[in-house]
Amino acid sequence: MNSIGTYLKKQRVKLSLSLNAVCEQTGITATRLNRIERNQVNEPSPEVLKKLASLYQVDLIYLYKLAGYLENTDISGQKQQPFNNYEILSDEERNFIQQSIDFLAKKHFVANKEEYHEV
């Protein structure tokens, strides 16, 4: 299972961002980010994770779960709208879109299986 630091470093490297570039764009010091990536900080603050999620274009909820701030049970039962205008679609249209998403996600997970793990 990947740690929060390992995951964040992979995302930064994937985007070809240096520690200093992240610092310039988020205000998180390069030293702090380096410590997070090396797992020397047990739980990066929610605010730090929010900044990194935005810059790295990753799901904030996933980062909160990976860091231990949320469990699946914390968010199950919460009404979520997966995309804009969800509420105006028919059940049939929603099911079609969900099936399409499931198909694409399965292809993505198979292609990137070493990067994903159960949180």
N, C-alpha and C. Protein backbone atom coordinates (compact mmCIF):
# COMPACT_ATOMS: atom_id res chain seq x y z
N MET A 1 0.83 -1.18 0.00
CA MET A 1 0.00 0.00 0.00
C MET A 1 0.88 1.24 0.00
N ASN A 2 0.59 2.15 -0.91
CA ASN A 2 1.36 3.39 -0.98
C ASN A 2 1.02 4.30 0.18
N SER A 3 1.98 5.06 0.60
CA SER A 3 1.76 6.06 1.64
C SER A 3 1.34 7.36 0.97
N ILE A 4 0.85 8.28 1.76
CA ILE A 4 0.46 9.59 1.24
C ILE A 4 1.65 10.29 0.60
N GLY A 5 2.82 10.18 1.24
CA GLY A 5 4.01 10.83 0.70
C GLY A 5 4.44 10.27 -0.63
N THR A 6 4.44 8.94 -0.73
CA THR A 6 4.81 8.28 -1.99
C THR A 6 3.85 8.66 -3.10
N TYR A 7 2.56 8.66 -2.78
CA TYR A 7 1.55 9.01 -3.78
C TYR A 7 1.74 10.45 -4.25
N LEU A 8 1.94 11.38 -3.31
CA LEU A 8 2.10 12.79 -3.68
C LEU A 8 3.36 13.01 -4.53
N LYS A 9 4.43 12.31 -4.18
CA LYS A 9 5.65 12.45 -4.98
C LYS A 9 5.44 11.93 -6.39
N LYS A 10 4.76 10.80 -6.55
CA LYS A 10 4.48 10.27 -7.89
C LYS A 10 3.68 11.27 -8.71
N GLN A 11 2.70 11.92 -8.08
CA GLN A 11 1.89 12.89 -8.81
C GLN A 11 2.72 14.11 -9.21
N ARG A 12 3.58 14.57 -8.31
CA ARG A 12 4.44 15.73 -8.62
C ARG A 12 5.38 15.41 -9.76
N VAL A 13 6.01 14.25 -9.70
CA VAL A 13 6.95 13.83 -10.74
C VAL A 13 6.22 13.64 -12.07
N LYS A 14 5.02 13.07 -12.01
CA LYS A 14 4.23 12.85 -13.22
C LYS A 14 3.95 14.18 -13.94
N LEU A 15 3.80 15.24 -13.16
CA LEU A 15 3.53 16.56 -13.73
C LEU A 15 4.81 17.34 -14.03
N SER A 16 5.96 16.70 -13.80
CA SER A 16 7.28 17.33 -14.02
C SER A 16 7.44 18.63 -13.23
N LEU A 17 7.00 18.61 -11.98
CA LEU A 17 7.12 19.77 -11.12
C LEU A 17 8.26 19.57 -10.13
N SER A 18 9.07 20.58 -9.96
CA SER A 18 10.12 20.53 -8.94
C SER A 18 9.51 20.92 -7.60
N LEU A 19 10.24 20.63 -6.53
CA LEU A 19 9.78 21.05 -5.20
C LEU A 19 9.60 22.56 -5.15
N ASN A 20 10.54 23.28 -5.77
CA ASN A 20 10.45 24.74 -5.76
C ASN A 20 9.26 25.25 -6.57
N ALA A 21 8.93 24.59 -7.67
CA ALA A 21 7.76 24.99 -8.46
C ALA A 21 6.49 24.81 -7.65
N VAL A 22 6.39 23.71 -6.90
CA VAL A 22 5.22 23.49 -6.05
C VAL A 22 5.16 24.56 -4.98
N CYS A 23 6.29 24.90 -4.41
CA CYS A 23 6.37 25.95 -3.40
C CYS A 23 5.85 27.27 -3.96
N GLU A 24 6.29 27.64 -5.15
CA GLU A 24 5.86 28.89 -5.77
C GLU A 24 4.36 28.93 -6.02
N GLN A 25 3.79 27.78 -6.38
CA GLN A 25 2.38 27.74 -6.76
C GLN A 25 1.43 27.51 -5.58
N THR A 26 1.95 26.97 -4.47
CA THR A 26 1.06 26.64 -3.35
C THR A 26 1.42 27.36 -2.06
N GLY A 27 2.65 27.83 -1.94
CA GLY A 27 3.09 28.43 -0.69
C GLY A 27 3.60 27.41 0.32
N ILE A 28 3.56 26.13 -0.03
CA ILE A 28 4.10 25.07 0.83
C ILE A 28 5.60 25.06 0.62
N THR A 29 6.37 25.17 1.68
CA THR A 29 7.82 25.22 1.51
C THR A 29 8.35 23.92 0.93
N ALA A 30 9.43 24.04 0.17
CA ALA A 30 10.05 22.87 -0.43
C ALA A 30 10.50 21.89 0.64
N THR A 31 10.98 22.42 1.77
CA THR A 31 11.41 21.56 2.87
C THR A 31 10.25 20.76 3.44
N ARG A 32 9.11 21.42 3.64
CA ARG A 32 7.93 20.72 4.18
C ARG A 32 7.44 19.67 3.20
N LEU A 33 7.36 20.02 1.92
CA LEU A 33 6.91 19.06 0.91
C LEU A 33 7.86 17.87 0.83
N ASN A 34 9.15 18.13 0.90
CA ASN A 34 10.14 17.04 0.88
C ASN A 34 9.92 16.11 2.07
N ARG A 35 9.65 16.67 3.24
CA ARG A 35 9.41 15.84 4.44
C ARG A 35 8.12 15.04 4.29
N ILE A 36 7.10 15.63 3.69
CA ILE A 36 5.85 14.90 3.44
C ILE A 36 6.10 13.74 2.49
N GLU A 37 6.80 14.02 1.41
CA GLU A 37 7.07 12.98 0.40
C GLU A 37 7.94 11.85 0.96
N ARG A 38 8.79 12.14 1.92
CA ARG A 38 9.63 11.11 2.54
C ARG A 38 8.98 10.50 3.76
N ASN A 39 7.70 10.82 3.96
CA ASN A 39 6.91 10.27 5.07
C ASN A 39 7.48 10.61 6.44
N GLN A 40 8.06 11.78 6.54
CA GLN A 40 8.55 12.26 7.82
C GLN A 40 7.51 13.12 8.52
N VAL A 41 6.38 13.36 7.86
CA VAL A 41 5.24 14.06 8.43
C VAL A 41 4.10 13.05 8.41
N ASN A 42 3.61 12.65 9.58
CA ASN A 42 2.59 11.61 9.65
C ASN A 42 1.31 11.98 8.93
N GLU A 43 0.79 13.15 9.20
CA GLU A 43 -0.48 13.56 8.61
C GLU A 43 -0.35 14.99 8.12
N PRO A 44 -0.11 15.15 6.81
CA PRO A 44 -0.10 16.53 6.29
C PRO A 44 -1.45 17.18 6.59
N SER A 45 -1.45 18.45 6.88
CA SER A 45 -2.70 19.12 7.25
C SER A 45 -3.70 19.08 6.11
N PRO A 46 -4.98 19.13 6.44
CA PRO A 46 -6.01 19.16 5.39
C PRO A 46 -5.81 20.33 4.42
N GLU A 47 -5.35 21.46 4.93
CA GLU A 47 -5.14 22.63 4.07
C GLU A 47 -4.01 22.37 3.06
N VAL A 48 -2.95 21.74 3.51
CA VAL A 48 -1.84 21.38 2.61
C VAL A 48 -2.35 20.41 1.54
N LEU A 49 -3.11 19.42 1.96
CA LEU A 49 -3.64 18.45 1.00
C LEU A 49 -4.57 19.11 -0.01
N LYS A 50 -5.33 20.08 0.45
CA LYS A 50 -6.24 20.80 -0.45
C LYS A 50 -5.46 21.54 -1.53
N LYS A 51 -4.38 22.19 -1.14
CA LYS A 51 -3.55 22.91 -2.10
C LYS A 51 -2.92 21.94 -3.10
N LEU A 52 -2.40 20.83 -2.60
CA LEU A 52 -1.75 19.86 -3.48
C LEU A 52 -2.75 19.18 -4.41
N ALA A 53 -3.93 18.86 -3.90
CA ALA A 53 -4.96 18.24 -4.75
C ALA A 53 -5.31 19.15 -5.91
N SER A 54 -5.42 20.43 -5.64
CA SER A 54 -5.75 21.38 -6.69
C SER A 54 -4.63 21.47 -7.73
N LEU A 55 -3.41 21.61 -7.27
CA LEU A 55 -2.28 21.73 -8.19
C LEU A 55 -2.05 20.43 -8.98
N TYR A 56 -2.12 19.30 -8.30
CA TYR A 56 -1.85 18.01 -8.94
C TYR A 56 -3.06 17.46 -9.68
N GLN A 57 -4.19 18.11 -9.54
CA GLN A 57 -5.43 17.70 -10.19
C GLN A 57 -5.82 16.27 -9.82
N VAL A 58 -5.82 16.03 -8.50
CA VAL A 58 -6.24 14.74 -7.96
C VAL A 58 -7.40 14.96 -7.01
N ASP A 59 -8.13 13.92 -6.73
CA ASP A 59 -9.31 13.99 -5.89
C ASP A 59 -8.95 14.26 -4.43
N LEU A 60 -9.50 15.33 -3.88
CA LEU A 60 -9.22 15.70 -2.50
C LEU A 60 -9.71 14.65 -1.51
N ILE A 61 -10.87 14.09 -1.75
CA ILE A 61 -11.42 13.06 -0.87
C ILE A 61 -10.46 11.87 -0.81
N TYR A 62 -9.91 11.48 -1.97
CA TYR A 62 -8.94 10.38 -2.01
C TYR A 62 -7.73 10.70 -1.13
N LEU A 63 -7.22 11.94 -1.22
CA LEU A 63 -6.07 12.32 -0.39
C LEU A 63 -6.43 12.31 1.09
N TYR A 64 -7.62 12.80 1.44
CA TYR A 64 -8.04 12.77 2.84
C TYR A 64 -8.15 11.33 3.35
N LYS A 65 -8.64 10.45 2.52
CA LYS A 65 -8.72 9.04 2.92
C LYS A 65 -7.32 8.44 3.06
N LEU A 66 -6.45 8.73 2.13
CA LEU A 66 -5.09 8.20 2.16
C LEU A 66 -4.33 8.71 3.39
N ALA A 67 -4.60 9.95 3.78
CA ALA A 67 -3.92 10.54 4.94
C ALA A 67 -4.56 10.12 6.26
N GLY A 68 -5.71 9.46 6.19
CA GLY A 68 -6.36 9.00 7.42
C GLY A 68 -7.38 9.95 7.99
N TYR A 69 -7.72 11.02 7.28
CA TYR A 69 -8.72 11.97 7.77
C TYR A 69 -10.14 11.47 7.55
N LEU A 70 -10.34 10.63 6.56
CA LEU A 70 -11.67 10.10 6.24
C LEU A 70 -11.59 8.60 6.02
N GLU A 71 -12.68 7.94 6.33
CA GLU A 71 -12.86 6.52 6.02
C GLU A 71 -14.01 6.43 5.02
N ASN A 72 -14.10 5.29 4.34
CA ASN A 72 -15.21 5.10 3.41
C ASN A 72 -16.55 5.28 4.12
N THR A 73 -16.63 4.84 5.38
CA THR A 73 -17.89 4.96 6.12
C THR A 73 -18.25 6.40 6.42
N ASP A 74 -17.26 7.29 6.44
CA ASP A 74 -17.52 8.70 6.68
C ASP A 74 -18.28 9.35 5.53
N ILE A 75 -18.07 8.84 4.34
CA ILE A 75 -18.69 9.47 3.18
C ILE A 75 -19.78 8.63 2.54
N SER A 76 -19.94 7.38 2.97
CA SER A 76 -21.02 6.58 2.41
C SER A 76 -22.34 7.15 2.90
N GLY A 77 -23.30 7.17 2.05
CA GLY A 77 -24.60 7.72 2.41
C GLY A 77 -24.71 9.21 2.16
N GLN A 78 -23.60 9.86 1.86
CA GLN A 78 -23.64 11.28 1.53
C GLN A 78 -24.15 11.42 0.10
N LYS A 79 -25.11 12.29 -0.08
CA LYS A 79 -25.62 12.51 -1.43
C LYS A 79 -24.58 13.28 -2.22
N GLN A 80 -24.13 12.67 -3.29
CA GLN A 80 -23.12 13.28 -4.14
C GLN A 80 -23.63 13.33 -5.57
N GLN A 81 -23.35 14.40 -6.25
CA GLN A 81 -23.68 14.49 -7.65
C GLN A 81 -22.38 14.34 -8.42
N PRO A 82 -22.27 13.30 -9.23
CA PRO A 82 -20.99 13.00 -9.87
C PRO A 82 -20.58 13.97 -10.97
N PHE A 83 -21.52 14.73 -11.51
CA PHE A 83 -21.19 15.70 -12.55
C PHE A 83 -22.30 16.74 -12.63
N ASN A 84 -22.01 17.85 -13.30
CA ASN A 84 -22.98 18.93 -13.43
C ASN A 84 -24.23 18.46 -14.17
N ASN A 85 -25.35 18.97 -13.76
CA ASN A 85 -26.66 18.69 -14.36
C ASN A 85 -27.12 17.25 -14.18
N TYR A 86 -26.53 16.55 -13.28
CA TYR A 86 -26.90 15.16 -12.98
C TYR A 86 -28.40 15.04 -12.69
N GLU A 87 -28.91 16.00 -11.95
CA GLU A 87 -30.28 15.91 -11.48
C GLU A 87 -31.32 16.05 -12.60
N ILE A 88 -30.96 16.59 -13.75
CA ILE A 88 -31.95 16.76 -14.82
C ILE A 88 -32.04 15.55 -15.75
N LEU A 89 -31.13 14.58 -15.58
CA LEU A 89 -31.12 13.40 -16.45
C LEU A 89 -32.09 12.35 -15.94
N SER A 90 -32.54 11.53 -16.86
CA SER A 90 -33.40 10.40 -16.47
C SER A 90 -32.53 9.30 -15.87
N ASP A 91 -33.16 8.35 -15.19
CA ASP A 91 -32.42 7.21 -14.63
C ASP A 91 -31.70 6.45 -15.74
N GLU A 92 -32.35 6.29 -16.87
CA GLU A 92 -31.75 5.58 -17.99
C GLU A 92 -30.49 6.30 -18.48
N GLU A 93 -30.55 7.61 -18.57
CA GLU A 93 -29.38 8.39 -19.01
C GLU A 93 -28.26 8.31 -17.97
N ARG A 94 -28.61 8.38 -16.70
CA ARG A 94 -27.60 8.27 -15.64
C ARG A 94 -26.93 6.90 -15.68
N ASN A 95 -27.72 5.85 -15.86
CA ASN A 95 -27.16 4.50 -15.93
C ASN A 95 -26.21 4.35 -17.11
N PHE A 96 -26.56 4.92 -18.25
CA PHE A 96 -25.69 4.87 -19.42
C PHE A 96 -24.36 5.54 -19.13
N ILE A 97 -24.43 6.72 -18.53
CA ILE A 97 -23.20 7.46 -18.21
C ILE A 97 -22.37 6.68 -17.20
N GLN A 98 -23.01 6.10 -16.18
CA GLN A 98 -22.28 5.32 -15.18
C GLN A 98 -21.60 4.12 -15.81
N GLN A 99 -22.28 3.44 -16.72
CA GLN A 99 -21.68 2.29 -17.41
C GLN A 99 -20.46 2.73 -18.23
N SER A 100 -20.55 3.88 -18.86
CA SER A 100 -19.42 4.41 -19.62
C SER A 100 -18.24 4.72 -18.71
N ILE A 101 -18.54 5.33 -17.57
CA ILE A 101 -17.49 5.65 -16.61
C ILE A 101 -16.84 4.37 -16.08
N ASP A 102 -17.65 3.38 -15.75
CA ASP A 102 -17.12 2.11 -15.26
C ASP A 102 -16.20 1.46 -16.28
N PHE A 103 -16.60 1.50 -17.55
CA PHE A 103 -15.78 0.92 -18.62
C PHE A 103 -14.44 1.64 -18.71
N LEU A 104 -14.46 2.96 -18.72
CA LEU A 104 -13.21 3.73 -18.82
C LEU A 104 -12.34 3.56 -17.58
N ALA A 105 -12.97 3.53 -16.42
CA ALA A 105 -12.21 3.35 -15.18
C ALA A 105 -11.52 1.99 -15.15
N LYS A 106 -12.21 0.96 -15.60
CA LYS A 106 -11.62 -0.38 -15.62
C LYS A 106 -10.39 -0.39 -16.52
N LYS A 107 -10.49 0.23 -17.69
CA LYS A 107 -9.32 0.32 -18.59
C LYS A 107 -8.18 1.07 -17.92
N HIS A 108 -8.52 2.15 -17.23
CA HIS A 108 -7.50 2.96 -16.56
C HIS A 108 -6.84 2.19 -15.42
N PHE A 109 -7.64 1.52 -14.60
CA PHE A 109 -7.10 0.76 -13.47
C PHE A 109 -6.20 -0.37 -13.94
N VAL A 110 -6.59 -1.06 -15.01
CA VAL A 110 -5.76 -2.15 -15.54
C VAL A 110 -4.43 -1.60 -16.04
N ALA A 111 -4.47 -0.47 -16.71
CA ALA A 111 -3.25 0.12 -17.26
C ALA A 111 -2.34 0.70 -16.16
N ASN A 112 -2.92 1.06 -15.02
CA ASN A 112 -2.16 1.72 -13.95
C ASN A 112 -2.29 0.99 -12.62
N LYS A 113 -2.43 -0.34 -12.66
CA LYS A 113 -2.78 -1.09 -11.45
C LYS A 113 -1.76 -0.95 -10.33
N GLU A 114 -0.50 -0.72 -10.62
CA GLU A 114 0.50 -0.60 -9.55
C GLU A 114 0.34 0.72 -8.79
N GLU A 115 -0.33 1.70 -9.37
CA GLU A 115 -0.49 2.99 -8.73
C GLU A 115 -1.69 3.02 -7.79
N TYR A 116 -2.65 2.12 -7.99
CA TYR A 116 -3.88 2.14 -7.21
C TYR A 116 -3.88 1.05 -6.16
N HIS A 117 -4.55 1.35 -5.08
CA HIS A 117 -4.72 0.40 -4.00
C HIS A 117 -5.97 0.77 -3.23
N GLU A 118 -6.45 -0.13 -2.42
CA GLU A 118 -7.66 0.10 -1.64
C GLU A 118 -7.34 1.08 -0.52
N VAL A 119 -8.13 2.11 -0.39
CA VAL A 119 -7.95 3.09 0.70
C VAL A 119 -9.08 2.92 1.67
